[in-house]
Protein backbone atom coordinates (compact mmCIF):
# COMPACT_ATOMS: atom_id res chain seq x y z
CA MET A 1 -0.07 0.04 -0.01
CA ARG A 2 1.12 3.70 -0.26
CA VAL A 3 0.30 6.35 2.17
CA ASP A 4 0.86 9.71 1.38
CA LEU A 5 1.06 12.00 4.76
CA ARG A 6 0.95 15.70 4.20
CA SER A 7 0.65 18.63 6.52
CA THR A 8 1.82 22.19 7.02
CA SER A 9 3.39 21.17 10.09
CA THR A 10 6.71 18.93 10.40
CA ALA A 11 5.70 17.84 13.78
CA GLU A 12 2.27 16.63 12.67
CA ILE A 13 4.08 14.70 9.75
CA ASP A 14 6.25 13.05 12.21
CA ARG A 15 3.31 12.22 14.62
CA LEU A 16 1.35 10.51 11.80
CA GLU A 17 4.38 8.69 10.53
CA ARG A 18 5.08 7.32 14.16
CA ALA A 19 1.29 6.32 14.37
CA LEU A 20 1.38 4.62 11.01
CA ARG A 21 4.46 2.58 12.03
CA ASP A 22 2.88 1.75 15.36
CA ALA A 23 -0.23 0.64 13.68
CA LEU A 24 1.69 -1.42 11.16
CA GLU A 25 3.62 -3.04 13.79
CA GLN A 26 0.71 -4.06 15.91
CA ALA A 27 -1.10 -5.34 12.75
CA VAL A 28 1.86 -7.53 12.11
CA THR A 29 2.22 -8.78 15.62
CA SER A 30 -1.56 -9.68 15.94
CA GLU A 31 -1.66 -11.45 12.62
CA ASN A 32 1.48 -13.62 13.37
CA ARG A 33 -0.18 -14.45 16.82
CA ALA A 34 -3.53 -15.56 15.16
CA ALA A 35 -1.47 -17.59 12.56
CA ALA A 36 0.55 -19.29 15.34
CA GLN A 37 -2.65 -20.46 17.02
CA GLY A 38 -3.89 -21.92 13.78
CA GLY A 39 -2.76 -25.27 14.42
CA PRO A 40 0.01 -27.98 13.89
CA ARG A 41 1.12 -26.80 10.38
CA LYS A 42 3.85 -24.16 9.96
CA PRO A 43 2.20 -20.61 10.50
CA LEU A 44 2.36 -18.01 7.71
CA VAL A 45 4.53 -15.13 8.82
CA VAL A 46 3.43 -11.58 8.16
CA GLN A 47 5.97 -9.24 7.45
CA SER A 48 6.09 -5.45 6.55
CA GLU A 49 8.48 -3.09 5.35
CA VAL A 50 8.27 0.60 5.27
CA VAL A 51 10.09 2.25 2.16
CA GLU A 52 9.87 6.00 1.66
CA ILE A 53 9.26 6.78 -1.70
CA GLY A 54 9.07 10.56 -1.45
CA ASN A 55 9.39 13.52 0.97
CA ARG A 56 7.60 16.56 0.53
CA PRO A 57 8.43 18.83 3.63
CA ALA A 58 6.09 20.81 5.53
CA GLY A 59 5.96 24.48 5.04
CA GLU A 60 3.66 27.51 5.15
CA LEU A 61 3.51 30.88 3.63
CA ALA A 62 3.18 33.64 6.39
CA ALA A 63 -0.02 35.57 6.36
CA ASP A 64 2.19 39.02 5.99
CA ALA A 65 4.50 37.52 3.38
CA ARG A 66 5.42 40.02 0.39
CA LEU A 67 4.65 37.33 -2.15
CA LEU A 68 1.04 37.02 -0.79
CA LYS A 69 0.70 40.95 -0.82
CA VAL A 70 1.95 41.13 -4.29
CA ILE A 71 -0.48 38.43 -5.51
CA ARG A 72 -3.24 40.01 -3.80
CA ALA A 73 -2.65 43.44 -5.31
CA VAL A 74 -2.22 41.93 -8.80
CA ASP A 75 -5.63 40.04 -8.29
CA ALA A 76 -7.25 43.45 -7.10
CA GLN A 77 -5.88 44.93 -10.38
CA LEU A 78 -7.09 42.18 -12.42
CA GLY A 79 -10.74 42.06 -10.77
CA ASN A 80 -9.90 38.41 -9.66
CA THR A 81 -11.05 36.63 -6.68
CA ALA A 82 -8.61 34.10 -5.60
CA LEU A 83 -8.97 31.51 -2.69
CA VAL A 84 -5.80 31.29 -0.55
CA GLN A 85 -5.52 27.50 0.37
CA ARG A 86 -3.13 25.26 1.78
CA ALA A 87 -1.95 22.50 -0.53
CA SER A 88 0.93 20.41 -0.73
CA THR A 89 2.68 21.51 -3.82
CA ASP A 90 6.10 21.91 -5.22
CA ALA A 91 6.19 25.16 -3.37
CA ASN A 92 6.74 23.10 -0.16
CA ILE A 93 10.37 22.79 -0.87
CA PRO A 94 11.31 26.49 -0.86
CA LEU A 95 8.90 27.10 2.10
CA SER A 96 10.50 24.45 4.20
CA LEU A 97 13.83 26.34 3.56
CA GLY A 98 12.22 29.59 4.84
CA ARG A 99 11.66 31.11 1.32
CA GLU A 100 8.42 32.71 0.15
CA ALA A 101 6.77 30.40 -2.52
CA SER A 102 3.15 29.75 -3.95
CA ARG A 103 1.34 27.64 -6.34
CA SER A 104 -0.70 29.63 -8.75
CA VAL A 105 -3.58 28.19 -10.68
CA ALA A 106 -3.85 29.31 -14.10
CA ALA A 107 -7.48 30.50 -13.21
CA ALA A 108 -9.52 27.80 -14.71
CA PRO A 109 -11.61 25.19 -13.01
CA GLU A 110 -9.96 21.84 -12.23
CA ALA A 111 -10.72 18.92 -10.13
CA GLY A 112 -9.67 15.53 -9.24
CA ALA A 113 -6.10 16.21 -8.76
CA HIS A 114 -3.76 13.15 -8.68
CA THR A 115 -6.47 10.88 -9.74
CA LEU A 116 -7.61 9.23 -13.14
CA GLN A 117 -10.49 11.43 -13.18
CA GLU A 118 -8.36 14.80 -13.09
CA TRP A 119 -9.30 17.42 -15.20
CA PHE A 120 -8.62 21.07 -16.14
CA ASP A 121 -10.67 23.55 -18.30
CA CYS A 122 -8.40 25.46 -20.25
CA ASN A 123 -11.14 28.13 -21.05
CA GLY A 124 -10.22 31.49 -19.16
CA ARG A 125 -6.44 30.57 -18.68
CA GLU A 126 -5.58 34.03 -20.13
CA LEU A 127 -6.69 35.49 -16.81
CA GLY A 128 -4.33 33.27 -14.88
CA LEU A 129 -1.49 33.75 -17.39
CA ARG A 130 -1.81 37.48 -16.82
CA ARG A 131 -1.82 36.94 -13.14
CA ILE A 132 1.23 35.01 -13.03
CA LEU A 133 3.02 37.49 -15.51
CA LEU A 134 2.15 40.55 -13.49
CA THR A 135 3.01 38.69 -10.26
CA MET A 136 6.58 37.90 -11.68
CA LEU A 137 6.90 41.58 -12.99
CA THR A 138 5.96 43.01 -9.66
CA LEU A 139 8.28 40.91 -7.47
CA SER A 140 11.21 41.50 -10.01
CA GLY A 141 10.73 45.31 -9.46
CA VAL A 142 9.45 46.33 -12.91
CA GLY A 143 7.39 49.50 -12.69
CA GLU A 144 8.79 50.58 -9.19
């Protein structure tokens, strides 16, 4: 099985990982005990192995971050109403290193992320592309 643990808190990710490992160890012990009581034939032995296949560190953009202020100003200029949401994205790496980072959606409907039913409607993407461009130009100092 694959288990994906995500949080904005490193302490919470660590707590969840410990709980998962403990639950797995208890399940293996319980199954092996039950198999050993199964009769004279050699019991099946249940084993487990935990292999980390990825690591997306926790991170969160501060509410007063310059990047967030710029994005909000760009949204106001474009008349865009954006939802600020926490999510696990590639921005987690710089956030975990104390850098400002954000994921920007191209302002089009999307759903089903990371599933076979994932979809994206490219209608209206021009607004998202304008938003990204204006944010980048503002952050780089153009117009100051």
